[in-house]
């Protein structure tokens, strides 16, 4: 019995050695193939976190059995822990068995792929990289009569990732994705503490949170129903959306590329003057205003932050520079306002007329403790332009005040009222108004109240 057991053990050992030798021999017979050149690439760039999700489509030729594909990221900022391969064709016949990081080849990985399919198939290689950023800028050109503008937006992509991206589709994440909040949510759902920022687990959760958020933005952006497309994704304190740049461009490493992103021609706009001493200073300020909507040949997407430069056709084949400003994020149907500064051809004069005091209150020593002060005012808008203007006038008065005017006037806040005045070409508009200011013990609360004239 002892000799029989010994013989069986010897046979098992021989069999295992033979099997191991067979596997090693088979592995040696499997060719190592470098991943072929990409057919297309899609870059989703998220500035705020210096994260870019790259999705490459490549055509690989597989044979039945085991295939070995090599992927290299040498000299780039690609995060190797984020690299994934997914078959897009014959997915039920192609399986990624494992991923190997060979020690003798740093910045390389090898996918061992088991395939029941023989031939060419498309696969998607996705990964996170950094070093890709973007900025937005806009140009608006008014015609000579200042009735229509052409409005164009361009995105400039800067590539310092170490990788060259040919014929890349560009998508931009605009807004804020609260990745810290998402990582905490992931940890809570898995019943583990939130990992430290320096750990590998934190980085993996960060990648998972970013990919989930980007995928959600992609689904919103790609909706078939126009009313569902381009919607903002709102999650907790996060608010973001995806902005797609039409077409594809080659983004060379170490260079930047400027690409058209928004175009609207012959857009009607309004000219509005605003007098807000507390906000713009002592002179009326001119604004060009239009909306991000269908009526103004826009409205397909919210508009990202960017610098807008305003010009006007000078009638001599050239352009006159009117000014520039930072255009903050404009939602769909939101107003685009360009502040062109003070206009010397529109003047506002305000003069005080009669002042009287009454309703005195006294203490026991017959000292005045409270009184009311009544004032009359005249605001005059003088328009030296050859076209009518609309001026929005805001009056801001501190204290317990009552204001009366013959023009339609609305309250803006607790100490500010607003009225609108139309002045004809080379004409003027007048706003008479009166105030009652409650002083001392007569003042009950600090607010500006409208009263009937």
Protein backbone atom coordinates (compact mmCIF):
# COMPACT_ATOMS: atom_id res chain seq x y z
CA UNK A 1 0.00 0.00 0.00
CA UNK A 2 2.89 2.38 0.81
CA UNK A 3 4.57 1.72 -2.52
CA UNK A 4 1.26 2.25 -4.37
CA UNK A 5 0.69 5.65 -2.67
CA UNK A 6 4.21 6.66 -3.48
CA UNK A 7 3.68 5.70 -7.15
CA UNK A 8 0.39 7.67 -7.31
CA UNK A 9 2.03 10.76 -5.81
CA UNK A 10 4.87 10.45 -8.33
CA UNK A 11 2.37 10.20 -11.19
CA UNK A 12 0.48 13.31 -9.97
CA UNK A 13 3.71 15.30 -9.68
CA UNK A 14 4.77 14.22 -13.17
CA UNK A 15 1.33 15.18 -14.52
CA UNK A 16 1.43 18.63 -12.89
CA UNK A 17 4.94 19.25 -14.21
CA UNK A 18 3.83 18.14 -17.66
CA UNK A 19 0.77 20.42 -17.50
CA UNK A 20 2.91 23.35 -16.37
CA UNK A 21 5.34 22.69 -19.18
CA UNK A 22 2.45 22.51 -21.65
CA UNK A 23 1.05 25.89 -20.43
CA UNK A 24 4.51 27.49 -20.59
CA UNK A 25 5.02 26.11 -24.06
CA UNK A 26 1.59 27.38 -25.13
CA UNK A 27 2.28 30.82 -23.65
CA UNK A 28 5.56 31.00 -25.56
CA UNK A 29 3.69 30.17 -28.75
CA UNK A 30 1.26 33.10 -28.24
CA UNK A 31 2.49 36.17 -30.11
CA UNK A 32 2.78 39.47 -28.23
CA UNK A 33 1.11 42.11 -30.40
CA UNK A 34 1.35 45.86 -29.84
CA UNK A 35 -2.08 47.47 -29.80
CA UNK A 36 -2.75 48.84 -33.30
CA UNK A 37 -3.17 52.54 -34.07
CA UNK A 38 -6.41 54.11 -32.87
CA UNK A 39 -9.20 54.71 -35.40
CA UNK A 40 -10.99 57.41 -33.39
CA UNK A 41 -10.61 59.02 -29.99
CA UNK A 42 -13.05 60.95 -27.82
CA UNK A 43 -11.70 63.29 -25.14
CA UNK A 44 -13.94 64.51 -22.29
CA UNK A 45 -12.02 67.26 -20.51
CA UNK A 46 -12.87 68.36 -16.97
CA UNK A 47 -10.80 71.45 -16.14
CA UNK A 48 -11.65 71.78 -12.46
CA UNK A 49 -10.05 68.45 -11.50
CA UNK A 50 -7.44 68.15 -14.30
CA UNK A 51 -9.10 64.93 -15.44
CA UNK A 52 -9.65 63.86 -19.02
CA UNK A 53 -11.45 60.65 -19.93
CA UNK A 54 -10.11 59.28 -23.22
CA UNK A 55 -12.04 56.64 -25.18
CA UNK A 56 -10.18 55.17 -28.14
CA UNK A 57 -11.63 52.85 -30.79
CA UNK A 58 -9.14 50.41 -32.29
CA UNK A 59 -9.49 47.50 -34.69
CA UNK A 60 -7.60 44.41 -33.47
CA UNK A 61 -7.09 41.13 -35.27
CA UNK A 62 -7.65 38.10 -33.04
CA UNK A 63 -7.12 34.41 -33.50
CA UNK A 64 -8.96 31.67 -31.69
CA UNK A 65 -7.45 30.93 -28.35
CA UNK A 66 -5.13 33.14 -26.30
CA UNK A 67 -4.06 36.55 -27.65
CA UNK A 68 -1.63 38.97 -25.98
CA UNK A 69 -1.99 42.72 -26.60
CA UNK A 70 0.56 45.24 -25.37
CA UNK A 71 -0.33 48.84 -24.43
CA UNK A 72 2.29 51.50 -23.62
CA UNK A 73 1.94 54.93 -22.02
CA UNK A 74 5.63 55.88 -21.86
CA UNK A 75 6.22 59.64 -21.66
CA UNK A 76 2.57 60.47 -21.05
CA UNK A 77 0.43 61.43 -18.05
CA UNK A 78 -1.94 58.48 -18.54
CA UNK A 79 -2.94 56.84 -15.26
CA UNK A 80 -2.15 53.13 -15.80
CA UNK A 81 -4.55 52.01 -13.06
CA UNK A 82 -7.45 53.43 -15.08
CA UNK A 83 -6.72 51.68 -18.40
CA UNK A 84 -9.49 49.34 -19.53
CA UNK A 85 -10.19 47.35 -22.69
CA UNK A 86 -13.74 46.47 -23.75
CA UNK A 87 -14.78 44.60 -26.93
CA UNK A 88 -17.39 46.46 -28.98
CA UNK A 89 -17.96 43.57 -31.38
CA UNK A 90 -18.37 39.84 -30.64
CA UNK A 91 -18.40 40.68 -26.93
CA UNK A 92 -19.85 37.25 -26.10
CA UNK A 93 -16.85 35.56 -27.77
CA UNK A 94 -14.05 37.80 -26.49
CA UNK A 95 -12.93 37.93 -22.86
CA UNK A 96 -10.09 39.81 -21.18
CA UNK A 97 -8.65 37.08 -18.96
CA UNK A 98 -6.22 39.29 -17.03
CA UNK A 99 -3.98 42.33 -17.16
CA UNK A 100 -0.23 41.99 -16.55
CA UNK A 101 2.23 44.76 -15.73
CA UNK A 102 5.61 43.24 -16.67
CA UNK A 103 8.38 44.32 -14.33
CA UNK A 104 11.00 44.32 -17.08
CA UNK A 105 8.94 46.78 -19.13
CA UNK A 106 7.90 49.79 -17.08
CA UNK A 107 5.03 51.86 -18.47
CA UNK A 108 3.67 48.86 -20.35
CA UNK A 109 0.81 46.47 -19.74
CA UNK A 110 -0.27 43.25 -21.45
CA UNK A 111 -3.83 42.05 -21.85
CA UNK A 112 -4.28 38.28 -22.11
CA UNK A 113 -7.39 37.84 -24.23
CA UNK A 114 -9.24 34.58 -24.77
CA UNK A 115 -11.19 34.60 -28.01
CA UNK A 116 -13.58 32.18 -29.65
CA UNK A 117 -13.74 34.55 -32.63
CA UNK A 118 -11.15 34.77 -35.38
CA UNK A 119 -10.79 37.95 -37.38
CA UNK A 120 -10.89 41.70 -36.88
CA UNK A 121 -12.99 43.27 -34.11
CA UNK A 122 -13.40 46.76 -32.71
CA UNK A 123 -12.40 47.34 -29.10
CA UNK A 124 -12.61 50.40 -26.86
CA UNK A 125 -9.59 51.40 -24.80
CA UNK A 126 -10.45 53.93 -22.10
CA UNK A 127 -8.30 55.65 -19.49
CA UNK A 128 -7.86 58.83 -17.50
CA UNK A 129 -5.10 61.27 -18.28
CA UNK A 130 -4.18 64.79 -17.19
CA UNK A 131 -2.53 67.80 -18.81
CA UNK A 132 -5.47 68.64 -21.10
CA UNK A 133 -7.30 71.92 -20.41
CA UNK A 134 -9.60 74.28 -22.27
CA UNK A 135 -10.74 77.90 -22.39
CA UNK A 136 -13.64 79.57 -24.19
CA UNK A 137 -13.75 82.92 -25.97
CA UNK A 138 -16.50 84.75 -27.85
CA UNK A 139 -16.59 87.45 -30.52
CA UNK A 140 -19.69 89.55 -31.26
CA UNK A 141 -19.74 91.95 -34.23
CA UNK A 142 -22.53 94.50 -34.57
CA UNK A 143 -23.65 95.98 -37.87
CA UNK A 144 -23.28 99.74 -38.37
CA UNK A 145 -26.87 100.67 -37.28
CA UNK A 146 -26.45 98.47 -34.17
CA UNK A 147 -29.50 96.30 -34.81
CA UNK A 148 -27.96 92.85 -35.51
CA UNK A 149 -24.83 91.00 -34.47
CA UNK A 150 -22.91 87.93 -35.50
CA UNK A 151 -21.99 85.87 -32.45
CA UNK A 152 -19.24 83.25 -32.49
CA UNK A 153 -17.64 81.15 -29.78
CA UNK A 154 -14.38 79.22 -29.96
CA UNK A 155 -12.85 76.70 -27.60
CA UNK A 156 -9.08 76.45 -27.26
CA UNK A 157 -7.72 73.11 -26.04
CA UNK A 158 -4.22 72.97 -24.53
CA UNK A 159 -2.42 69.62 -24.67
CA UNK A 160 0.42 68.98 -22.24
CA UNK A 161 -0.46 65.33 -21.65
CA UNK A 162 2.51 63.84 -23.50
CA UNK A 163 0.19 62.10 -25.96
CA UNK A 164 -0.75 63.24 -29.47
CA UNK A 165 -4.44 62.85 -30.29
CA UNK A 166 -5.31 62.67 -33.99
CA UNK A 167 -8.84 63.46 -35.19
CA UNK A 168 -10.15 63.75 -31.66
CA UNK A 169 -13.77 64.46 -30.76
CA UNK A 170 -13.82 67.04 -27.95
CA UNK A 171 -16.34 67.21 -25.11
CA UNK A 172 -16.06 69.67 -22.25
CA UNK A 173 -17.40 69.28 -18.73
CA UNK A 174 -18.68 72.70 -17.71
CA UNK A 175 -19.53 73.44 -14.10
CA UNK A 176 -18.70 71.68 -10.87
CA UNK A 177 -18.68 67.95 -10.13
CA UNK A 178 -18.31 67.47 -6.40
CA UNK A 179 -16.00 64.45 -6.47
CA UNK A 180 -15.32 64.58 -2.72
CA UNK A 181 -19.05 64.23 -2.10
CA UNK A 182 -19.27 61.37 -4.58
CA UNK A 183 -16.31 59.53 -3.04
CA UNK A 184 -17.91 59.83 0.40
CA UNK A 185 -21.15 58.43 -1.06
CA UNK A 186 -19.30 55.48 -2.62
CA UNK A 187 -17.56 54.72 0.67
CA UNK A 188 -20.84 54.94 2.58
CA UNK A 189 -22.61 52.56 0.21
CA UNK A 190 -19.77 50.05 0.55
CA UNK A 191 -19.67 50.36 4.31
CA UNK A 192 -16.04 51.50 4.45
CA UNK A 193 -14.44 54.69 5.81
CA UNK A 194 -13.63 57.47 3.37
CA UNK A 195 -10.03 56.75 2.31
CA UNK A 196 -7.20 59.24 2.74
CA UNK A 197 -6.49 61.37 -0.34
CA UNK A 198 -2.97 59.94 -0.64
CA UNK A 199 -4.12 56.31 -0.90
CA UNK A 200 -4.59 54.17 -3.98
CA UNK A 201 -8.16 53.38 -2.91
CA UNK A 202 -9.02 57.11 -2.89
CA UNK A 203 -7.62 57.46 -6.42
CA UNK A 204 -9.66 54.49 -7.65
CA UNK A 205 -12.83 55.90 -6.08
CA UNK A 206 -12.02 59.29 -7.60
CA UNK A 207 -11.76 57.72 -11.03
CA UNK A 208 -14.99 55.77 -10.54
CA UNK A 209 -16.84 58.88 -9.34
CA UNK A 210 -15.54 60.97 -12.25
CA UNK A 211 -16.41 58.32 -14.83
CA UNK A 212 -19.94 57.91 -13.45
CA UNK A 213 -20.51 61.67 -13.49
CA UNK A 214 -19.13 62.03 -17.03
CA UNK A 215 -21.28 59.13 -18.25
CA UNK A 216 -24.37 60.80 -16.75
CA UNK A 217 -23.51 64.08 -18.47
CA UNK A 218 -22.98 62.19 -21.73
CA UNK A 219 -26.41 60.58 -21.51
CA UNK A 220 -28.03 63.97 -20.85
CA UNK A 221 -26.13 65.59 -23.71
CA UNK A 222 -26.98 62.79 -26.11
CA UNK A 223 -30.74 62.70 -25.49
CA UNK A 224 -32.88 62.29 -28.61
CA UNK A 225 -35.61 64.59 -27.36
CA UNK A 226 -34.54 68.20 -27.86
CA UNK A 227 -36.15 69.23 -24.59
CA UNK A 228 -34.07 66.62 -22.75
CA UNK A 229 -30.78 67.40 -24.49
CA UNK A 230 -28.13 69.68 -23.01
CA UNK A 231 -29.74 69.65 -19.58
CA UNK A 232 -27.69 70.40 -16.52
CA UNK A 233 -26.97 67.48 -14.23
CA UNK A 234 -27.67 68.48 -10.64
CA UNK A 235 -26.44 66.27 -7.81
CA UNK A 236 -26.29 67.65 -4.29
CA UNK A 237 -23.97 70.63 -4.44
CA UNK A 238 -22.80 69.67 -7.93
CA UNK A 239 -24.04 71.31 -11.12
CA UNK A 240 -22.50 70.54 -14.49
CA UNK A 241 -23.18 69.76 -18.13
CA UNK A 242 -21.36 68.49 -21.18
CA UNK A 243 -20.55 70.80 -24.08
CA UNK A 244 -19.73 69.07 -27.38
CA UNK A 245 -17.51 70.60 -30.06
CA UNK A 246 -18.65 69.64 -33.55
CA UNK A 247 -16.31 67.73 -35.83
CA UNK A 248 -12.87 66.40 -34.91
CA UNK A 249 -9.41 67.94 -34.64
CA UNK A 250 -5.84 66.79 -34.14
CA UNK A 251 -4.56 67.99 -30.77
CA UNK A 252 -0.78 67.87 -30.89
CA UNK A 253 1.20 67.45 -27.69
CA UNK A 254 2.74 70.69 -26.45
CA UNK A 255 0.40 72.77 -28.61
CA UNK A 256 -3.05 74.30 -28.39
CA UNK A 257 -5.86 74.15 -30.94
CA UNK A 258 -8.66 76.71 -31.37
CA UNK A 259 -11.92 75.25 -32.66
CA UNK A 260 -15.31 76.78 -33.55
CA UNK A 261 -17.98 75.87 -31.01
CA UNK A 262 -20.87 78.39 -31.34
CA UNK A 263 -22.14 80.36 -34.34
CA UNK A 264 -25.19 82.59 -34.75
CA UNK A 265 -25.58 85.13 -37.57
CA UNK A 266 -27.88 88.15 -37.90
CA UNK A 267 -28.97 88.02 -34.27
CA UNK A 268 -31.25 90.85 -33.15
CA UNK A 269 -30.29 92.47 -29.87
CA UNK A 270 -31.42 95.25 -27.54
CA UNK A 271 -29.52 98.28 -26.33
CA UNK A 272 -30.26 99.23 -22.73
CA UNK A 273 -28.78 102.00 -20.58
CA UNK A 274 -28.52 101.50 -16.85
CA UNK A 275 -28.01 104.10 -14.19
CA UNK A 276 -26.91 102.43 -10.95
CA UNK A 277 -24.57 104.73 -9.11
CA UNK A 278 -23.88 102.15 -6.42
CA UNK A 279 -22.86 99.54 -9.03
CA UNK A 280 -21.54 101.28 -12.16
CA UNK A 281 -20.63 104.77 -10.98
CA UNK A 282 -22.07 108.24 -11.65
CA UNK A 283 -22.77 107.90 -15.41
CA UNK A 284 -25.25 105.83 -17.48
CA UNK A 285 -23.74 102.61 -18.79
CA UNK A 286 -24.62 101.03 -22.14
CA UNK A 287 -25.41 97.31 -22.55
CA UNK A 288 -25.95 95.08 -25.57
CA UNK A 289 -28.40 92.33 -24.57
CA UNK A 290 -29.71 89.19 -26.29
CA UNK A 291 -30.79 85.72 -25.15
CA UNK A 292 -29.43 82.21 -25.45
CA UNK A 293 -32.60 80.84 -27.07
CA UNK A 294 -34.13 79.75 -30.38
CA UNK A 295 -35.39 83.23 -31.19
CA UNK A 296 -31.81 84.48 -31.18
CA UNK A 297 -30.54 81.44 -33.13
CA UNK A 298 -28.92 79.94 -30.04
CA UNK A 299 -30.23 77.83 -27.15
CA UNK A 300 -28.82 74.44 -28.15
CA UNK A 301 -26.66 74.41 -25.02
CA UNK A 302 -25.73 76.56 -22.04
CA UNK A 303 -22.73 78.74 -22.79
CA UNK A 304 -19.53 78.18 -20.75
CA UNK A 305 -17.56 80.97 -19.08
CA UNK A 306 -15.32 82.90 -21.44
CA UNK A 307 -14.10 86.32 -22.50
CA UNK A 308 -16.38 88.10 -24.99
CA UNK A 309 -15.01 90.82 -27.27
CA UNK A 310 -17.43 93.28 -28.89
CA UNK A 311 -16.86 95.05 -32.24
CA UNK A 312 -18.94 97.20 -34.59
CA UNK A 313 -18.76 97.52 -38.37
CA UNK A 314 -17.37 101.02 -38.98
CA UNK A 315 -18.85 101.31 -42.49
CA UNK A 316 -15.41 101.51 -44.12
CA UNK A 317 -14.65 97.83 -44.40
CA UNK A 318 -13.21 97.66 -40.89
CA UNK A 319 -14.24 97.13 -37.29
CA UNK A 320 -14.36 99.42 -34.29
CA UNK A 321 -13.51 97.87 -30.93
CA UNK A 322 -16.25 98.48 -28.35
CA UNK A 323 -14.97 96.55 -25.35
CA UNK A 324 -14.68 93.18 -23.66
CA UNK A 325 -15.68 91.42 -20.46
CA UNK A 326 -15.85 88.01 -18.85
CA UNK A 327 -19.06 86.30 -19.87
CA UNK A 328 -20.24 84.11 -17.03
CA UNK A 329 -22.05 80.82 -17.62
CA UNK A 330 -25.31 81.51 -19.52
CA UNK A 331 -28.08 78.88 -19.19
CA UNK A 332 -30.50 78.12 -22.01
CA UNK A 333 -32.94 81.07 -22.29
CA UNK A 334 -30.61 83.13 -20.10
CA UNK A 335 -29.61 86.69 -21.05
CA UNK A 336 -26.24 87.57 -22.56
CA UNK A 337 -25.26 91.03 -21.37
CA UNK A 338 -22.23 92.92 -22.62
CA UNK A 339 -21.29 96.03 -20.63
CA UNK A 340 -19.77 98.61 -22.99
CA UNK A 341 -19.10 101.17 -20.30
CA UNK A 342 -20.25 104.74 -19.80
CA UNK A 343 -21.67 106.57 -22.82
CA UNK A 344 -20.86 110.29 -23.15
CA UNK A 345 -23.88 110.79 -25.43
CA UNK A 346 -26.37 109.93 -22.68
CA UNK A 347 -26.46 112.11 -19.58
CA UNK A 348 -28.52 111.88 -16.38
CA UNK A 349 -28.96 114.98 -14.22
CA UNK A 350 -30.67 114.90 -10.83
CA UNK A 351 -31.58 118.07 -8.96
CA UNK A 352 -33.31 118.65 -5.63
CA UNK A 353 -36.16 121.13 -5.34
CA UNK A 354 -38.12 122.00 -2.20
CA UNK A 355 -37.19 120.64 1.25
CA UNK A 356 -39.38 120.95 4.31
CA UNK A 357 -39.54 119.33 7.76
CA UNK A 358 -42.53 118.53 9.98
CA UNK A 359 -43.96 115.98 12.39
CA UNK A 360 -41.46 116.82 15.10
CA UNK A 361 -41.29 114.62 18.20
CA UNK A 362 -39.94 115.84 21.57
CA UNK A 363 -38.73 114.26 24.77
CA UNK A 364 -39.61 115.48 28.30
CA UNK A 365 -36.93 118.16 28.07
CA UNK A 366 -38.48 119.44 24.83
CA UNK A 367 -35.51 118.27 22.78
CA UNK A 368 -36.29 117.09 19.26
CA UNK A 369 -36.13 113.29 19.04
CA UNK A 370 -37.71 112.73 15.67
CA UNK A 371 -38.94 114.49 12.51
CA UNK A 372 -39.89 113.92 8.86
CA UNK A 373 -38.05 115.51 5.94
CA UNK A 374 -39.91 116.02 2.63
CA UNK A 375 -37.93 116.54 -0.58
CA UNK A 376 -38.85 116.98 -4.23
CA UNK A 377 -36.50 115.81 -7.00
CA UNK A 378 -36.21 115.95 -10.77
CA UNK A 379 -34.22 113.39 -12.76
CA UNK A 380 -33.64 114.31 -16.43
CA UNK A 381 -32.19 111.97 -19.08
CA UNK A 382 -30.64 113.81 -22.05
CA UNK A 383 -30.14 111.70 -25.18
CA UNK A 384 -27.67 113.13 -27.71
CA UNK A 385 -27.84 110.07 -29.96
CA UNK A 386 -29.82 109.92 -33.22
CA UNK A 387 -31.93 106.95 -32.08
CA UNK A 388 -34.25 106.49 -29.10
CA UNK A 389 -32.87 104.95 -25.92
CA UNK A 390 -34.23 103.05 -22.93
CA UNK A 391 -32.70 103.85 -19.56
CA UNK A 392 -33.24 101.70 -16.47
CA UNK A 393 -32.87 104.00 -13.47
CA UNK A 394 -32.34 102.59 -10.00
CA UNK A 395 -32.57 104.86 -7.00
CA UNK A 396 -31.00 103.63 -3.78
CA UNK A 397 -31.76 105.51 -0.53
CA UNK A 398 -30.79 104.41 2.98
CA UNK A 399 -33.05 104.87 6.00
CA UNK A 400 -36.79 104.78 6.61
CA UNK A 401 -37.97 106.42 3.39
CA UNK A 402 -41.19 106.74 1.43
CA UNK A 403 -40.93 107.54 -2.28
CA UNK A 404 -43.65 108.76 -4.66
CA UNK A 405 -43.44 109.18 -8.46
CA UNK A 406 -45.85 109.59 -11.38
CA UNK A 407 -43.92 107.01 -13.50
CA UNK A 408 -44.41 103.24 -13.12
CA UNK A 409 -41.86 102.19 -10.51
CA UNK A 410 -41.09 98.86 -8.85
CA UNK A 411 -39.18 97.84 -5.75
CA UNK A 412 -35.92 96.04 -6.45
CA UNK A 413 -34.90 95.39 -2.86
CA UNK A 414 -35.50 96.86 0.61
CA UNK A 415 -33.67 100.10 -0.22
CA UNK A 416 -33.78 100.27 -4.05
CA UNK A 417 -36.51 101.10 -6.60
CA UNK A 418 -36.35 100.96 -10.39
CA UNK A 419 -38.11 102.84 -13.17
CA UNK A 420 -37.66 102.88 -16.95
CA UNK A 421 -37.40 106.04 -19.05
CA UNK A 422 -37.59 106.38 -22.85
CA UNK A 423 -35.78 109.32 -24.42
CA UNK A 424 -36.39 110.24 -28.06
CA UNK A 425 -33.49 110.91 -30.48
CA UNK A 426 -31.71 114.08 -29.36
CA UNK A 427 -34.45 114.47 -26.77
CA UNK A 428 -34.95 114.04 -23.09
CA UNK A 429 -37.09 112.21 -20.52
CA UNK A 430 -38.04 113.55 -17.09
CA UNK A 431 -38.78 111.79 -13.81
CA UNK A 432 -40.20 113.98 -11.03
CA UNK A 433 -40.37 112.22 -7.66
CA UNK A 434 -40.62 113.05 -3.98
CA UNK A 435 -39.31 111.44 -0.81
CA UNK A 436 -40.27 111.51 2.85
CA UNK A 437 -37.41 110.53 5.15
CA UNK A 438 -38.25 109.58 8.73
CA UNK A 439 -35.49 110.64 11.15
CA UNK A 440 -34.82 109.82 14.79
CA UNK A 441 -37.68 108.30 16.75
CA UNK A 442 -39.92 108.62 13.67
CA UNK A 443 -37.80 105.99 11.85
CA UNK A 444 -39.31 102.58 12.46
CA UNK A 445 -37.19 100.41 10.16
CA UNK A 446 -34.58 100.87 7.46
CA UNK A 447 -36.44 100.38 4.19
CA UNK A 448 -37.51 102.25 1.07
CA UNK A 449 -41.25 102.05 0.52
CA UNK A 450 -43.22 103.06 -2.56
CA UNK A 451 -46.39 105.06 -1.96
CA UNK A 452 -49.15 106.35 -4.19
CA UNK A 453 -48.50 109.87 -5.58
